[in-house]
């Protein structure tokens, strides 16, 4: 696994250094029993891998054994959940690395954004709730934006990243963390993503909120 790059990526996404180091340690522990994670994610999809570490509250009440090949010290359910989170983050890291456009490519993707993609990202955020940020490698949000219709707040950076993934033919290409300021500025100029007022547009699809 690319442990140094993975650690730097998590810190760039807002993870504390201690948290990033802990996630790297968890991922390395999985590697000890399942082999190189880079190769593993080529051979199997994320859900299949995560299912090896699935352990519900019902499993815990029934005192079922550890379903994974990785020994767990301490609370089994908590330990397995920690390994799952590390795997999700490493998968998000690999996906971003594989689909990373250059600077000009970033801007080209942002320029293509429309109300349709932003609305799709907001819908996904509604469906996933608090899991939305974690799914795409964000641990927190400092800038939020509001739906132009309901004023419901959404995490601006994560929403723009996911919106880019919804662009037709994009294959869920993600943005660099360093491009997020540009992405946020694009959200602030979201009026440009709608028809000109003379053509009957109403309100912008999104605007920045404090």
Foldseek 3Di string as FASTA:
>chain_A
DPLVLLLVQLVLLPDDSVLSVLLSVLQVLVCVQPNDLVVVCVVDPLVVVLVQLDADPVNVVVVPDGSHPGDDPDDSNVSSVSSSLSSLSVVLVVLQVVQEDDPVVVVVLLVPFALVLLVVLVVVCVVCPPCLQSNNSHDDADWWKAFFPPRDIDRQQSSLQSSSLPPPPSVSHGYGSVCSVVSSVSQQVQVVRDDDVVVPDDTRRMHIDD
